[in-house]
C-alpha atoms as a PDB file:
ATOM      1  CA  SER A   1      17.404  14.553   9.282  1.00  0.00           C
ATOM      2  CA  SER A   2      15.103  15.336   6.391  1.00  0.00           C
ATOM      3  CA  ILE A   3      12.968  13.733   3.539  1.00  0.00           C
ATOM      4  CA  ASP A   4      14.715  14.193   0.317  1.00  0.00           C
ATOM      5  CA  PHE A   5      12.069  14.504  -2.194  1.00  0.00           C
ATOM      6  CA  ILE A   6      14.713  14.882  -4.993  1.00  0.00           C
ATOM      7  CA  LEU A   7      13.157  18.081  -6.187  1.00  0.00           C
ATOM      8  CA  PHE A   8      12.926  19.698  -2.533  1.00  0.00           C
ATOM      9  CA  GLU A   9      13.467  18.520   1.065  1.00  0.00           C
ATOM     10  CA  ILE A  10      11.366  18.767   4.274  1.00  0.00           C
ATOM     11  CA  HIS A  11      13.053  18.897   7.847  1.00  0.00           C
ATOM     12  CA  GLY A  12      12.756  20.336  10.970  1.00  0.00           C
ATOM     13  CA  TRP A  13       9.400  20.368  12.874  1.00  0.00           C
ATOM     14  CA  TRP A  14       7.566  20.031   9.366  1.00  0.00           C
ATOM     15  CA  LEU A  15       9.207  16.462   9.137  1.00  0.00           C
ATOM     16  CA  ASN A  16       8.071  15.545  12.577  1.00  0.00           C
ATOM     17  CA  VAL A  17       4.462  16.583  11.626  1.00  0.00           C
ATOM     18  CA  ILE A  18       4.439  14.665   8.514  1.00  0.00           C
ATOM     19  CA  ALA A  19       6.022  11.785  10.094  1.00  0.00           C
ATOM     20  CA  PHE A  20       3.598  11.606  12.869  1.00  0.00           C
ATOM     21  CA  LEU A  21       0.336  11.878  10.369  1.00  0.00           C
ATOM     22  CA  ALA A  22       2.127   9.231   7.967  1.00  0.00           C
ATOM     23  CA  ILE A  23       2.490   6.695  10.618  1.00  0.00           C
ATOM     24  CA  VAL A  24      -0.995   7.223  12.068  1.00  0.00           C
ATOM     25  CA  TRP A  25      -2.483   7.240   8.492  1.00  0.00           C
ATOM     26  CA  LEU A  26      -0.476   4.041   7.106  1.00  0.00           C
ATOM     27  CA  THR A  27      -1.007   2.287  10.424  1.00  0.00           C
ATOM     28  CA  ASN A  28      -4.954   2.689  10.023  1.00  0.00           C
ATOM     29  CA  LEU A  29      -5.256   2.623   6.292  1.00  0.00           C
ATOM     30  CA  TYR A  30      -3.385  -1.079   6.109  1.00  0.00           C
ATOM     31  CA  ASN A  31      -6.179  -2.127   8.692  1.00  0.00           C
ATOM     32  CA  PHE A  32      -8.846  -0.537   6.200  1.00  0.00           C
ATOM     33  CA  LEU A  33      -7.536  -2.543   3.394  1.00  0.00           C
ATOM     34  CA  ASP A  34      -7.557  -5.725   5.037  1.00  0.00           C
ATOM     35  CA  GLY A  35     -10.872  -6.761   3.658  1.00  0.00           C
ATOM     36  CA  ILE A  36     -10.558  -9.648   1.383  1.00  0.00           C
ATOM     37  CA  ASP A  37      -8.640 -13.065   1.648  1.00  0.00           C
ATOM     38  CA  GLY A  38      -5.123 -12.730   1.188  1.00  0.00           C
ATOM     39  CA  TYR A  39      -4.896  -9.198   0.219  1.00  0.00           C
ATOM     40  CA  ALA A  40      -3.054  -7.580   3.052  1.00  0.00           C
ATOM     41  CA  GLY A  41      -0.738 -10.777   3.356  1.00  0.00           C
ATOM     42  CA  THR A  42       0.637 -10.919  -0.203  1.00  0.00           C
ATOM     43  CA  GLU A  43       0.854  -7.124   0.065  1.00  0.00           C
ATOM     44  CA  ALA A  44       3.122  -7.566   3.128  1.00  0.00           C
ATOM     45  CA  VAL A  45       5.270 -10.413   1.285  1.00  0.00           C
ATOM     46  CA  MET A  46       5.838  -7.556  -1.593  1.00  0.00           C
ATOM     47  CA  VAL A  47       6.928  -4.759   0.649  1.00  0.00           C
ATOM     48  CA  GLY A  48       8.966  -7.342   2.541  1.00  0.00           C
ATOM     49  CA  LEU A  49      10.828  -8.113  -0.652  1.00  0.00           C
ATOM     50  CA  GLY A  50      11.201  -4.578  -1.429  1.00  0.00           C
ATOM     51  CA  LEU A  51      12.414  -4.003   2.255  1.00  0.00           C
ATOM     52  CA  PHE A  52      15.120  -6.642   1.547  1.00  0.00           C
ATOM     53  CA  LEU A  53      16.046  -5.726  -2.085  1.00  0.00           C
ATOM     54  CA  PHE A  54      16.171  -1.752  -1.767  1.00  0.00           C
ATOM     55  CA  PHE A  55      17.259  -1.220   1.687  1.00  0.00           C
ATOM     56  CA  HIS A  56      18.882  -4.316   2.491  1.00  0.00           C
ATOM     57  CA  TYR A  57      16.946  -4.910   5.894  1.00  0.00           C
ATOM     58  CA  PRO A  58      16.989  -9.036   6.706  1.00  0.00           C
ATOM     59  CA  LEU A  59      13.918  -8.222   8.522  1.00  0.00           C
ATOM     60  CA  GLY A  60      12.283  -7.778   5.179  1.00  0.00           C
ATOM     61  CA  LEU A  61      12.895 -11.662   4.441  1.00  0.00           C
ATOM     62  CA  VAL A  62      11.451 -12.723   7.847  1.00  0.00           C
ATOM     63  CA  ILE A  63       8.346 -10.707   6.909  1.00  0.00           C
ATOM     64  CA  VAL A  64       8.130 -12.517   3.537  1.00  0.00           C
ATOM     65  CA  ALA A  65       8.593 -15.824   5.242  1.00  0.00           C
ATOM     66  CA  ALA A  66       6.008 -15.009   7.947  1.00  0.00           C
ATOM     67  CA  SER A  67       3.508 -13.627   5.550  1.00  0.00           C
ATOM     68  CA  LEU A  68       3.943 -16.636   3.315  1.00  0.00           C
ATOM     69  CA  GLY A  69       3.357 -18.961   6.279  1.00  0.00           C
ATOM     70  CA  PHE A  70       0.161 -16.963   7.073  1.00  0.00           C
ATOM     71  CA  LEU A  71      -1.219 -16.881   3.290  1.00  0.00           C
ATOM     72  CA  LEU A  72      -1.412 -20.826   3.577  1.00  0.00           C
ATOM     73  CA  PHE A  73      -4.257 -20.509   5.851  1.00  0.00           C
ATOM     74  CA  ASN A  74      -5.680 -17.142   4.502  1.00  0.00           C
ATOM     75  CA  TRP A  75      -5.659 -17.440   0.906  1.00  0.00           C
ATOM     76  CA  HIS A  76      -9.494 -17.511  -0.216  1.00  0.00           C
ATOM     77  CA  GLN A  77     -11.568 -19.497   1.357  1.00  0.00           C
ATOM     78  CA  ALA A  78      -9.826 -18.288   4.396  1.00  0.00           C
ATOM     79  CA  SER A  79      -9.206 -20.217   7.693  1.00  0.00           C
ATOM     80  CA  ILE A  80      -7.708 -17.572   9.605  1.00  0.00           C
ATOM     81  CA  PHE A  81      -7.514 -13.828   9.681  1.00  0.00           C
ATOM     82  CA  MET A  82      -5.031 -11.085  10.347  1.00  0.00           C
ATOM     83  CA  GLY A  83      -7.526  -9.048  12.145  1.00  0.00           C
ATOM     84  CA  ASP A  84      -7.121  -5.414  13.564  1.00  0.00           C
ATOM     85  CA  ILE A  85      -4.140  -6.129  15.732  1.00  0.00           C
ATOM     86  CA  GLY A  86      -2.124  -7.924  12.923  1.00  0.00           C
ATOM     87  CA  SER A  87      -2.941  -5.741  10.288  1.00  0.00           C
ATOM     88  CA  THR A  88      -2.333  -2.273  12.125  1.00  0.00           C
ATOM     89  CA  THR A  89       0.878  -4.196  13.503  1.00  0.00           C
ATOM     90  CA  LEU A  90       1.992  -4.457   9.780  1.00  0.00           C
ATOM     91  CA  GLY A  91       1.066  -0.975   8.797  1.00  0.00           C
ATOM     92  CA  PHE A  92       3.031   0.573  11.943  1.00  0.00           C
ATOM     93  CA  ILE A  93       6.028  -1.492  10.918  1.00  0.00           C
ATOM     94  CA  PHE A  94       6.288  -0.618   7.470  1.00  0.00           C
ATOM     95  CA  ALA A  95       5.481   3.141   8.520  1.00  0.00           C
ATOM     96  CA  VAL A  96       8.219   3.308  10.784  1.00  0.00           C
ATOM     97  CA  PHE A  97      10.520   1.923   8.089  1.00  0.00           C
ATOM     98  CA  VAL A  98       9.715   4.540   5.620  1.00  0.00           C
ATOM     99  CA  PHE A  99      11.590   7.126   7.789  1.00  0.00           C
ATOM    100  CA  PHE A 100      14.709   4.914   8.595  1.00  0.00           C
ATOM    101  CA  ASP A 101      16.131   6.226   5.433  1.00  0.00           C
ATOM    102  CA  THR A 102      14.483   9.250   3.627  1.00  0.00           C
ATOM    103  CA  SER A 103      17.889  10.331   1.718  1.00  0.00           C
ATOM    104  CA  HIS A 104      18.525  10.299  -2.025  1.00  0.00           C
ATOM    105  CA  GLY A 105      14.762   9.953  -2.930  1.00  0.00           C
ATOM    106  CA  ASN A 106      14.039   6.846  -0.851  1.00  0.00           C
ATOM    107  CA  ILE A 107      10.855   7.979  -0.009  1.00  0.00           C
ATOM    108  CA  TYR A 108       9.786   7.242  -3.556  1.00  0.00           C
ATOM    109  CA  VAL A 109      10.718   3.741  -3.272  1.00  0.00           C
ATOM    110  CA  TRP A 110       8.311   3.508   0.042  1.00  0.00           C
ATOM    111  CA  LEU A 111       5.522   5.372  -1.880  1.00  0.00           C
ATOM    112  CA  ILE A 112       5.749   2.940  -4.530  1.00  0.00           C
ATOM    113  CA  LEU A 113       6.169  -0.162  -2.788  1.00  0.00           C
ATOM    114  CA  LEU A 114       2.938   0.784  -0.711  1.00  0.00           C
ATOM    115  CA  SER A 115       1.194   2.308  -3.632  1.00  0.00           C
ATOM    116  CA  LEU A 116      -1.882   0.005  -4.064  1.00  0.00           C
ATOM    117  CA  PHE A 117      -2.827   0.710  -0.116  1.00  0.00           C
ATOM    118  CA  TRP A 118      -1.954   4.196   0.508  1.00  0.00           C
ATOM    119  CA  PHE A 119      -3.431   5.422  -3.069  1.00  0.00           C
ATOM    120  CA  ASP A 120      -6.585   3.330  -3.025  1.00  0.00           C
ATOM    121  CA  ALA A 121      -7.416   4.492   0.807  1.00  0.00           C
ATOM    122  CA  THR A 122      -6.218   8.236   0.261  1.00  0.00           C
ATOM    123  CA  LEU A 123      -8.325   8.954  -3.011  1.00  0.00           C
ATOM    124  CA  THR A 124     -11.104   6.826  -1.650  1.00  0.00           C
ATOM    125  CA  LEU A 125     -11.046   9.485   1.387  1.00  0.00           C
ATOM    126  CA  ILE A 126     -10.990  12.168  -0.484  1.00  0.00           C
ATOM    127  CA  ARG A 127     -13.659  11.240  -3.016  1.00  0.00           C
ATOM    128  CA  ARG A 128     -16.154  10.489  -0.025  1.00  0.00           C
ATOM    129  CA  TYR A 129     -15.185  13.611   1.981  1.00  0.00           C
ATOM    130  CA  ARG A 130     -16.188  15.569  -1.575  1.00  0.00           C
ATOM    131  CA  ASN A 131     -19.386  13.612  -1.749  1.00  0.00           C
ATOM    132  CA  GLY A 132     -20.413  14.964   1.635  1.00  0.00           C
ATOM    133  CA  GLU A 133     -20.261  11.299   3.219  1.00  0.00           C
ATOM    134  CA  LYS A 134     -19.453  11.011   6.772  1.00  0.00           C
ATOM    135  CA  ILE A 135     -15.793   9.749   6.395  1.00  0.00           C
ATOM    136  CA  THR A 136     -15.613   7.992   9.817  1.00  0.00           C
ATOM    137  CA  GLN A 137     -18.500   5.688   9.164  1.00  0.00           C
ATOM    138  CA  ALA A 138     -17.682   2.202   7.681  1.00  0.00           C
ATOM    139  CA  HIS A 139     -18.134   1.726   4.031  1.00  0.00           C
ATOM    140  CA  LYS A 140     -17.145  -0.614   0.948  1.00  0.00           C
ATOM    141  CA  LYS A 141     -15.919   2.001  -1.489  1.00  0.00           C
ATOM    142  CA  HIS A 142     -12.125   0.904  -1.751  1.00  0.00           C
ATOM    143  CA  ALA A 143     -11.262  -0.077  -5.216  1.00  0.00           C
ATOM    144  CA  TYR A 144     -10.750  -3.791  -4.007  1.00  0.00           C
ATOM    145  CA  GLN A 145     -14.126  -3.746  -2.402  1.00  0.00           C
ATOM    146  CA  ARG A 146     -15.683  -2.386  -5.627  1.00  0.00           C
ATOM    147  CA  LEU A 147     -13.890  -4.982  -7.794  1.00  0.00           C
ATOM    148  CA  THR A 148     -15.323  -7.936  -5.477  1.00  0.00           C
ATOM    149  CA  GLN A 149     -18.695  -5.920  -5.887  1.00  0.00           C
ATOM    150  CA  SER A 150     -18.483  -6.067  -9.714  1.00  0.00           C
ATOM    151  CA  GLY A 151     -17.745 -10.001  -9.798  1.00  0.00           C
ATOM    152  CA  TRP A 152     -14.149 -10.576  -9.396  1.00  0.00           C
ATOM    153  CA  GLY A 153     -13.450 -13.041  -6.854  1.00  0.00           C
ATOM    154  CA  HIS A 154     -10.867 -12.552  -3.990  1.00  0.00           C
ATOM    155  CA  ASP A 155      -8.195 -14.807  -5.861  1.00  0.00           C
ATOM    156  CA  LYS A 156      -8.625 -12.578  -8.919  1.00  0.00           C
ATOM    157  CA  VAL A 157      -8.220  -9.344  -6.996  1.00  0.00           C
ATOM    158  CA  VAL A 158      -5.416 -10.485  -5.251  1.00  0.00           C
ATOM    159  CA  LEU A 159      -3.312 -11.993  -8.079  1.00  0.00           C
ATOM    160  CA  PHE A 160      -3.856  -8.738  -9.924  1.00  0.00           C
ATOM    161  CA  SER A 161      -2.404  -7.090  -7.190  1.00  0.00           C
ATOM    162  CA  ILE A 162       0.642  -9.468  -7.153  1.00  0.00           C
ATOM    163  CA  GLY A 163       1.144  -8.705 -10.878  1.00  0.00           C
ATOM    164  CA  PHE A 164       1.116  -4.773 -10.275  1.00  0.00           C
ATOM    165  CA  ASN A 165       3.428  -4.918  -7.477  1.00  0.00           C
ATOM    166  CA  LEU A 166       5.889  -7.235  -9.285  1.00  0.00           C
ATOM    167  CA  ILE A 167       6.043  -4.916 -12.145  1.00  0.00           C
ATOM    168  CA  PHE A 168       6.907  -2.042 -10.228  1.00  0.00           C
ATOM    169  CA  LEU A 169       9.460  -4.249  -8.091  1.00  0.00           C
ATOM    170  CA  VAL A 170      11.359  -4.941 -11.419  1.00  0.00           C
ATOM    171  CA  LEU A 171      11.169  -1.244 -12.792  1.00  0.00           C
ATOM    172  CA  LEU A 172      12.619  -0.251  -9.270  1.00  0.00           C
ATOM    173  CA  TYR A 173      15.080  -2.742  -9.793  1.00  0.00           C
ATOM    174  CA  PHE A 174      16.418  -2.084 -13.098  1.00  0.00           C
ATOM    175  CA  MET A 175      15.649   1.762 -13.641  1.00  0.00           C
ATOM    176  CA  GLU A 176      18.202   4.267 -11.956  1.00  0.00           C
ATOM    177  CA  ASN A 177      15.403   6.990 -12.143  1.00  0.00           C
ATOM    178  CA  VAL A 178      13.047   6.450  -9.080  1.00  0.00           C
ATOM    179  CA  TRP A 179      11.280   9.541  -9.880  1.00  0.00           C
ATOM    180  CA  ILE A 180      10.070   8.386 -13.419  1.00  0.00           C
ATOM    181  CA  VAL A 181       9.117   5.037 -11.750  1.00  0.00           C
ATOM    182  CA  PHE A 182       7.043   6.862  -9.249  1.00  0.00           C
ATOM    183  CA  ILE A 183       5.245   9.011 -12.057  1.00  0.00           C
ATOM    184  CA  LEU A 184       4.706   5.946 -13.770  1.00  0.00           C
ATOM    185  CA  ASN A 185       3.169   4.090 -10.839  1.00  0.00           C
ATOM    186  CA  ILE A 186       0.735   7.368 -10.172  1.00  0.00           C
ATOM    187  CA  ILE A 187      -0.530   6.991 -13.663  1.00  0.00           C
ATOM    188  CA  ALA A 188      -0.846   3.284 -13.603  1.00  0.00           C
ATOM    189  CA  LEU A 189      -2.810   3.863 -10.267  1.00  0.00           C
ATOM    190  CA  TYR A 190      -5.052   6.290 -11.338  1.00  0.00           C
ATOM    191  CA  THR A 191      -6.053   4.689 -14.811  1.00  0.00           C
ATOM    192  CA  ILE A 192      -6.715   1.471 -12.847  1.00  0.00           C
ATOM    193  CA  MET A 193      -8.992   3.714 -10.476  1.00  0.00           C
ATOM    194  CA  LYS A 194     -10.932   5.175 -13.444  1.00  0.00           C
ATOM    195  CA  LEU A 195     -11.447   1.564 -15.164  1.00  0.00           C
ATOM    196  CA  ILE A 196     -12.991   0.325 -11.851  1.00  0.00           C
ATOM    197  CA  ASP A 197     -15.336   3.237 -11.613  1.00  0.00           C
ATOM    198  CA  THR A 198     -16.570   1.774 -15.336  1.00  0.00           C
ATOM    199  CA  LYS A 199     -17.250  -1.636 -13.404  1.00  0.00           C
ATOM    200  CA  LYS A 200     -18.855  -0.092 -10.167  1.00  0.00           C
ATOM    201  CA  SER A 201     -19.639   3.315  -9.557  1.00  0.00           C
ATOM    202  CA  PHE A 202     -18.192   5.010  -6.709  1.00  0.00           C
ATOM    203  CA  ILE A 203     -21.635   6.575  -5.791  1.00  0.00           C
END
């Protein structure tokens, strides 16, 4: 098996290394991003939709239904919470599905579906490392956290994330070239990060 990035492929033992690191990272970062009411739950709804629409897995609809039921009680003000077990389990499930079908550029579909979470977590980790911070220590520097610190309510952050995800779900559905959608996705995410920096400094 291999991961088809369209421009190149990764296979052999490199594939095993990347798959292991990606599964560990995604499992943990989903937990890191479960920090405000409704955020991780709505992300699960969007990823579940993508799982069904683009890969035709019925489990996607199960995830959507379960997440919507959970969100009835997890929307701000939340009465129940996902917790470490719930968030890491979702992260692990999504990470495993990433490697079920990595042909024909499907890896980009997954990178887009999960982009709000992996981009925020990865860029924040890199920036903290470059600032000389201890990356193993807890912090509140993820983009969604800095938005709430700048005055955005939980609902506003979550609704923004829903809108962002819906835009790229639609683009993925109607545009044939997933590579172009991925480039647009990264540009949009980086622009959002820079705008958040103006509202709440990273330092």
